[in-house]
């Protein structure tokens, strides 16, 4: 059954005239008559008694009217709900991101997005890139921010299942206590810190940012293994050793530490990607939020 026929039926019922209904809907009187006749044929019963002046609902027509109005109202509600998703006056945004992206980049982009689209429900999940991709593949999140070092692998993630787009590059710096012997240098070579006791997320340097030290020709002695950036930088400030810090995490730095760039030959540079499920239409909220992310990385950080 064509919902347009029900709209015509409702309008005729309310106006009591094919002519008046046609004027309201922008049809000719004969077009209205044909659509009502088609609906009556579809239902197998007359809906109006044709009078000398106008029309009157039959018993069947009176029975149909509340159902027609309910179906048309449901259709209008559906259209409004769908339009709200498109114009972001409703909907949801589910983001997953790694820890240093959540220091400033993601919060700033989320704040700008929420200011522009306050009716969209937002959720944020933090995790490592591989678990975030699992959530993305399961449909538990809509967008993932991932980080990888180009030298780690040519194809770090399953590009067949996911669509990855480069968002920004994230060079790594070294964090030193202010009283460190090298704290006044403009930049450093990693080999100059070969004898230091290091701070990292784990004891195995190959699985941390300190893999750069191994590539620079020495195996760092990791004395403190802590995952949280607040703890890492607190240990640095206490003079217990240096750590490597990605530029995305720099806004979390304390005033009692020094951040120095490394020599270009020693600087690890992470590539930060946005990832969505390949082959699925990007939700409007995700497309809009991605633009806020790009605005953040394009501006001063």
Protein backbone atom coordinates (compact mmCIF):
# COMPACT_ATOMS: atom_id res chain seq x y z
CA UNK A 1 0.00 0.00 0.00
CA UNK A 2 1.32 3.41 -1.00
CA UNK A 3 1.55 5.70 2.03
CA UNK A 4 0.74 8.63 -0.27
CA UNK A 5 -2.75 7.15 -0.75
CA UNK A 6 -3.28 7.25 3.00
CA UNK A 7 -2.20 10.89 3.09
CA UNK A 8 -4.73 11.69 0.37
CA UNK A 9 -7.39 9.67 2.22
CA UNK A 10 -6.70 11.54 5.47
CA UNK A 11 -6.87 14.91 3.75
CA UNK A 12 -10.15 14.09 2.00
CA UNK A 13 -11.61 12.85 5.28
CA UNK A 14 -10.67 16.09 7.02
CA UNK A 15 -11.80 18.42 4.23
CA UNK A 16 -14.89 16.46 3.13
CA UNK A 17 -14.15 17.19 -0.51
CA UNK A 18 -11.96 15.87 -3.32
CA UNK A 19 -11.61 19.41 -4.64
CA UNK A 20 -10.57 20.89 -1.28
CA UNK A 21 -8.14 18.03 -0.69
CA UNK A 22 -6.62 18.60 -4.11
CA UNK A 23 -6.13 22.29 -3.36
CA UNK A 24 -4.40 21.47 -0.08
CA UNK A 25 -2.14 18.81 -1.56
CA UNK A 26 -1.48 20.40 -4.93
CA UNK A 27 -3.38 17.83 -7.02
CA UNK A 28 -6.30 18.14 -9.39
CA UNK A 29 -9.73 16.92 -8.28
CA UNK A 30 -9.54 14.06 -10.76
CA UNK A 31 -6.12 12.97 -9.45
CA UNK A 32 -7.49 12.85 -5.91
CA UNK A 33 -10.48 10.83 -7.12
CA UNK A 34 -8.22 8.33 -8.90
CA UNK A 35 -6.01 7.82 -5.83
CA UNK A 36 -9.00 7.26 -3.55
CA UNK A 37 -10.46 4.80 -6.08
CA UNK A 38 -7.12 2.94 -6.18
CA UNK A 39 -7.02 2.76 -2.37
CA UNK A 40 -10.59 1.50 -2.24
CA UNK A 41 -9.73 -1.17 -4.81
CA UNK A 42 -6.68 -2.16 -2.77
CA UNK A 43 -8.76 -2.54 0.40
CA UNK A 44 -11.78 -4.03 -1.39
CA UNK A 45 -14.33 -1.63 0.10
CA UNK A 46 -15.63 1.90 -0.48
CA UNK A 47 -14.24 4.49 1.92
CA UNK A 48 -16.42 7.47 0.97
CA UNK A 49 -19.99 7.99 -0.04
CA UNK A 50 -20.00 10.41 -2.97
CA UNK A 51 -22.60 13.03 -2.16
CA UNK A 52 -24.04 15.83 -4.30
CA UNK A 53 -21.83 18.24 -2.43
CA UNK A 54 -18.65 16.63 -1.17
CA UNK A 55 -18.01 13.19 0.29
CA UNK A 56 -18.69 11.44 3.57
CA UNK A 57 -16.78 8.59 5.24
CA UNK A 58 -18.38 5.16 5.13
CA UNK A 59 -18.20 2.90 8.17
CA UNK A 60 -15.09 1.33 6.67
CA UNK A 61 -13.63 4.75 6.07
CA UNK A 62 -14.26 5.78 9.68
CA UNK A 63 -12.57 2.56 10.85
CA UNK A 64 -9.57 3.21 8.62
CA UNK A 65 -9.03 6.87 9.57
CA UNK A 66 -7.38 6.43 13.00
CA UNK A 67 -5.12 3.70 11.62
CA UNK A 68 -4.15 5.86 8.67
CA UNK A 69 -3.39 8.80 10.96
CA UNK A 70 -1.30 6.58 13.27
CA UNK A 71 0.71 5.15 10.33
CA UNK A 72 1.30 8.59 8.84
CA UNK A 73 2.36 9.99 12.21
CA UNK A 74 4.77 7.05 12.64
CA UNK A 75 6.16 7.76 9.18
CA UNK A 76 6.60 11.44 10.02
CA UNK A 77 8.37 10.51 13.26
CA UNK A 78 10.66 8.15 11.37
CA UNK A 79 11.54 10.85 8.87
CA UNK A 80 12.28 13.31 11.67
CA UNK A 81 14.48 10.78 13.46
CA UNK A 82 16.42 10.02 10.28
CA UNK A 83 16.82 13.72 9.54
CA UNK A 84 18.10 14.27 13.09
CA UNK A 85 20.87 11.74 12.50
CA UNK A 86 21.85 13.54 9.32
CA UNK A 87 21.83 17.05 10.75
CA UNK A 88 23.37 15.84 14.06
CA UNK A 89 20.54 17.01 16.26
CA UNK A 90 20.52 13.42 17.59
CA UNK A 91 22.62 10.26 17.30
CA UNK A 92 25.80 8.96 18.88
CA UNK A 93 29.57 9.14 18.47
CA UNK A 94 31.67 6.26 19.83
CA UNK A 95 35.41 6.91 19.68
CA UNK A 96 38.36 4.73 20.66
CA UNK A 97 41.84 6.20 21.04
CA UNK A 98 45.29 5.39 22.45
CA UNK A 99 46.46 7.06 25.66
CA UNK A 100 48.60 9.93 24.39
CA UNK A 101 45.93 10.94 21.88
CA UNK A 102 43.65 11.34 24.89
CA UNK A 103 45.97 13.85 26.55
CA UNK A 104 44.87 16.80 24.42
CA UNK A 105 44.06 15.96 20.80
CA UNK A 106 40.91 13.90 21.35
CA UNK A 107 39.57 15.95 24.30
CA UNK A 108 39.93 19.20 22.34
CA UNK A 109 38.22 17.74 19.28
CA UNK A 110 35.45 16.24 21.41
CA UNK A 111 34.87 19.57 23.17
CA UNK A 112 34.56 21.36 19.83
CA UNK A 113 32.25 18.64 18.49
CA UNK A 114 30.02 18.75 21.58
CA UNK A 115 29.79 22.54 21.37
CA UNK A 116 28.64 22.28 17.75
CA UNK A 117 26.39 19.23 18.23
CA UNK A 118 25.26 19.06 21.88
CA UNK A 119 22.46 16.55 21.23
CA UNK A 120 24.80 13.79 20.03
CA UNK A 121 25.68 11.22 22.73
CA UNK A 122 29.46 10.75 23.02
CA UNK A 123 31.48 7.85 24.43
CA UNK A 124 35.26 7.44 24.56
CA UNK A 125 37.20 4.19 24.98
CA UNK A 126 40.95 4.15 25.65
CA UNK A 127 43.15 1.27 24.63
CA UNK A 128 46.00 -0.02 22.54
CA UNK A 129 45.61 -0.03 18.80
CA UNK A 130 45.04 -3.76 18.31
CA UNK A 131 42.24 -4.05 20.92
CA UNK A 132 40.65 -0.90 19.51
CA UNK A 133 40.56 -2.48 16.07
CA UNK A 134 38.84 -5.51 17.56
CA UNK A 135 36.18 -3.22 19.03
CA UNK A 136 35.86 -1.45 15.70
CA UNK A 137 35.45 -4.73 13.85
CA UNK A 138 32.77 -5.85 16.33
CA UNK A 139 30.85 -2.59 15.85
CA UNK A 140 31.38 -1.55 19.50
CA UNK A 141 32.96 1.76 18.42
CA UNK A 142 32.52 3.86 15.27
CA UNK A 143 36.00 5.37 14.91
CA UNK A 144 39.45 4.38 16.19
CA UNK A 145 42.61 6.43 16.46
CA UNK A 146 45.67 4.25 15.94
CA UNK A 147 49.40 4.83 16.11
CA UNK A 148 52.27 2.93 14.55
CA UNK A 149 55.88 3.45 13.62
CA UNK A 150 56.51 3.09 9.87
CA UNK A 151 59.59 0.96 10.51
CA UNK A 152 57.55 -1.51 12.57
CA UNK A 153 55.69 -3.01 9.60
CA UNK A 154 54.67 -2.09 6.10
CA UNK A 155 51.04 -3.10 6.76
CA UNK A 156 50.54 -2.60 10.50
CA UNK A 157 46.80 -3.22 10.42
CA UNK A 158 44.30 -5.18 8.36
CA UNK A 159 43.66 -2.69 5.56
CA UNK A 160 41.21 -5.11 3.97
CA UNK A 161 38.79 -4.88 6.89
CA UNK A 162 39.46 -1.28 7.87
CA UNK A 163 39.88 1.99 6.04
CA UNK A 164 42.83 3.91 7.48
CA UNK A 165 43.62 7.55 6.80
CA UNK A 166 46.72 9.33 8.01
CA UNK A 167 45.79 12.02 10.51
CA UNK A 168 49.15 13.35 11.62
CA UNK A 169 52.77 12.51 12.38
CA UNK A 170 53.85 12.39 16.01
CA UNK A 171 57.61 12.81 16.63
CA UNK A 172 59.02 11.50 19.90
CA UNK A 173 61.02 13.68 22.32
CA UNK A 174 63.10 12.94 25.41
CA UNK A 175 62.01 14.07 28.88
CA UNK A 176 64.71 14.94 31.43
CA UNK A 177 64.66 16.34 34.97
CA UNK A 178 65.54 20.03 35.04
CA UNK A 179 68.79 19.39 36.86
CA UNK A 180 70.06 16.85 34.34
CA UNK A 181 73.53 17.41 32.91
CA UNK A 182 72.11 17.61 29.38
CA UNK A 183 68.98 19.62 30.16
CA UNK A 184 70.33 22.80 28.54
CA UNK A 185 71.08 21.20 25.20
CA UNK A 186 69.01 22.17 22.14
CA UNK A 187 68.76 18.55 21.00
CA UNK A 188 70.26 15.18 21.86
CA UNK A 189 71.55 11.97 20.39
CA UNK A 190 70.13 8.90 22.08
CA UNK A 191 73.62 7.44 22.48
CA UNK A 192 74.41 10.28 24.89
CA UNK A 193 71.88 8.71 27.27
CA UNK A 194 73.10 5.12 26.90
CA UNK A 195 74.29 4.89 30.52
CA UNK A 196 71.08 6.26 32.04
CA UNK A 197 68.49 4.34 34.05
CA UNK A 198 65.38 4.65 31.90
CA UNK A 199 61.67 4.87 32.58
CA UNK A 200 59.32 3.04 30.20
CA UNK A 201 55.97 1.30 30.05
CA UNK A 202 57.46 -2.20 30.11
CA UNK A 203 60.78 -3.92 30.78
CA UNK A 204 61.19 -5.09 27.21
CA UNK A 205 62.35 -2.01 25.25
CA UNK A 206 61.34 -3.45 21.87
CA UNK A 207 57.68 -3.19 22.88
CA UNK A 208 57.98 0.46 23.98
CA UNK A 209 59.13 3.79 22.60
CA UNK A 210 62.62 2.78 23.77
CA UNK A 211 62.90 0.52 20.75
CA UNK A 212 64.51 3.65 19.27
CA UNK A 213 67.43 3.14 21.67
CA UNK A 214 67.97 -0.38 20.35
CA UNK A 215 67.98 0.99 16.81
CA UNK A 216 70.48 3.63 17.96
CA UNK A 217 72.92 0.89 19.00
CA UNK A 218 72.38 0.27 22.70
CA UNK A 219 69.98 -1.60 24.94
CA UNK A 220 68.54 0.78 27.54
CA UNK A 221 68.55 -0.23 31.19
CA UNK A 222 64.90 0.13 32.24
CA UNK A 223 64.80 0.63 35.99
CA UNK A 224 61.18 1.76 36.33
CA UNK A 225 58.30 0.27 34.35
CA UNK A 226 55.06 2.25 34.66
CA UNK A 227 52.32 2.65 32.06
CA UNK A 228 50.68 5.94 33.06
CA UNK A 229 52.12 9.18 31.71
CA UNK A 230 51.56 10.96 35.01
CA UNK A 231 53.69 8.35 36.77
CA UNK A 232 56.39 8.37 34.09
CA UNK A 233 56.78 12.13 34.19
CA UNK A 234 56.67 12.14 37.99
CA UNK A 235 59.62 9.73 38.04
CA UNK A 236 61.48 11.92 35.55
CA UNK A 237 60.85 15.03 37.66
CA UNK A 238 62.21 13.20 40.72
CA UNK A 239 65.50 12.68 38.89
CA UNK A 240 65.12 8.93 38.54
CA UNK A 241 65.80 8.80 34.82
CA UNK A 242 64.77 9.97 31.37
CA UNK A 243 61.88 8.72 29.28
CA UNK A 244 60.73 9.15 25.71
CA UNK A 245 57.47 11.00 25.17
CA UNK A 246 55.43 11.43 21.98
CA UNK A 247 54.56 14.98 21.01
CA UNK A 248 50.86 14.22 21.50
CA UNK A 249 51.55 13.71 25.22
CA UNK A 250 53.56 16.92 25.65
CA UNK A 251 50.55 18.88 27.05
CA UNK A 252 50.70 16.53 30.06
CA UNK A 253 54.29 17.54 30.83
CA UNK A 254 55.10 19.04 34.23
CA UNK A 255 56.93 22.36 34.66
CA UNK A 256 59.77 20.66 36.55
CA UNK A 257 60.94 18.59 33.57
CA UNK A 258 62.62 19.50 30.30
CA UNK A 259 61.50 18.22 26.90
CA UNK A 260 64.18 18.12 24.24
CA UNK A 261 63.99 17.10 20.58
CA UNK A 262 66.21 14.32 19.38
CA UNK A 263 68.57 14.43 16.43
CA UNK A 264 66.56 13.68 13.24
CA UNK A 265 68.47 10.42 12.76
CA UNK A 266 67.33 9.26 16.19
CA UNK A 267 63.78 10.64 16.26
CA UNK A 268 61.05 8.01 16.12
CA UNK A 269 58.01 9.39 14.33
CA UNK A 270 54.68 7.70 14.88
CA UNK A 271 52.00 7.81 12.23
CA UNK A 272 48.54 8.47 13.66
CA UNK A 273 45.59 7.13 11.68
CA UNK A 274 41.84 7.31 11.86
CA UNK A 275 40.20 3.97 11.18
CA UNK A 276 36.63 3.02 10.25
CA UNK A 277 35.14 -0.23 8.99
CA UNK A 278 35.67 -0.62 5.27
CA UNK A 279 32.57 -0.89 3.12
CA UNK A 280 30.22 0.72 5.63
CA UNK A 281 28.84 4.19 5.12
CA UNK A 282 30.45 6.60 7.55
CA UNK A 283 27.92 7.93 10.08
CA UNK A 284 27.46 11.73 9.90
CA UNK A 285 28.74 12.10 13.48
CA UNK A 286 31.99 10.31 12.61
CA UNK A 287 32.52 12.41 9.48
CA UNK A 288 31.95 15.61 11.45
CA UNK A 289 34.22 14.56 14.34
CA UNK A 290 37.01 13.61 11.94
CA UNK A 291 37.00 17.16 10.62
CA UNK A 292 37.40 18.47 14.18
CA UNK A 293 40.37 16.11 14.64
CA UNK A 294 41.95 17.42 11.44
CA UNK A 295 41.40 20.99 12.56
CA UNK A 296 43.19 20.23 15.83
CA UNK A 297 46.28 18.72 14.19
CA UNK A 298 46.39 21.52 11.59
CA UNK A 299 46.49 24.25 14.24
CA UNK A 300 49.07 25.00 16.89
CA UNK A 301 49.43 22.27 19.46
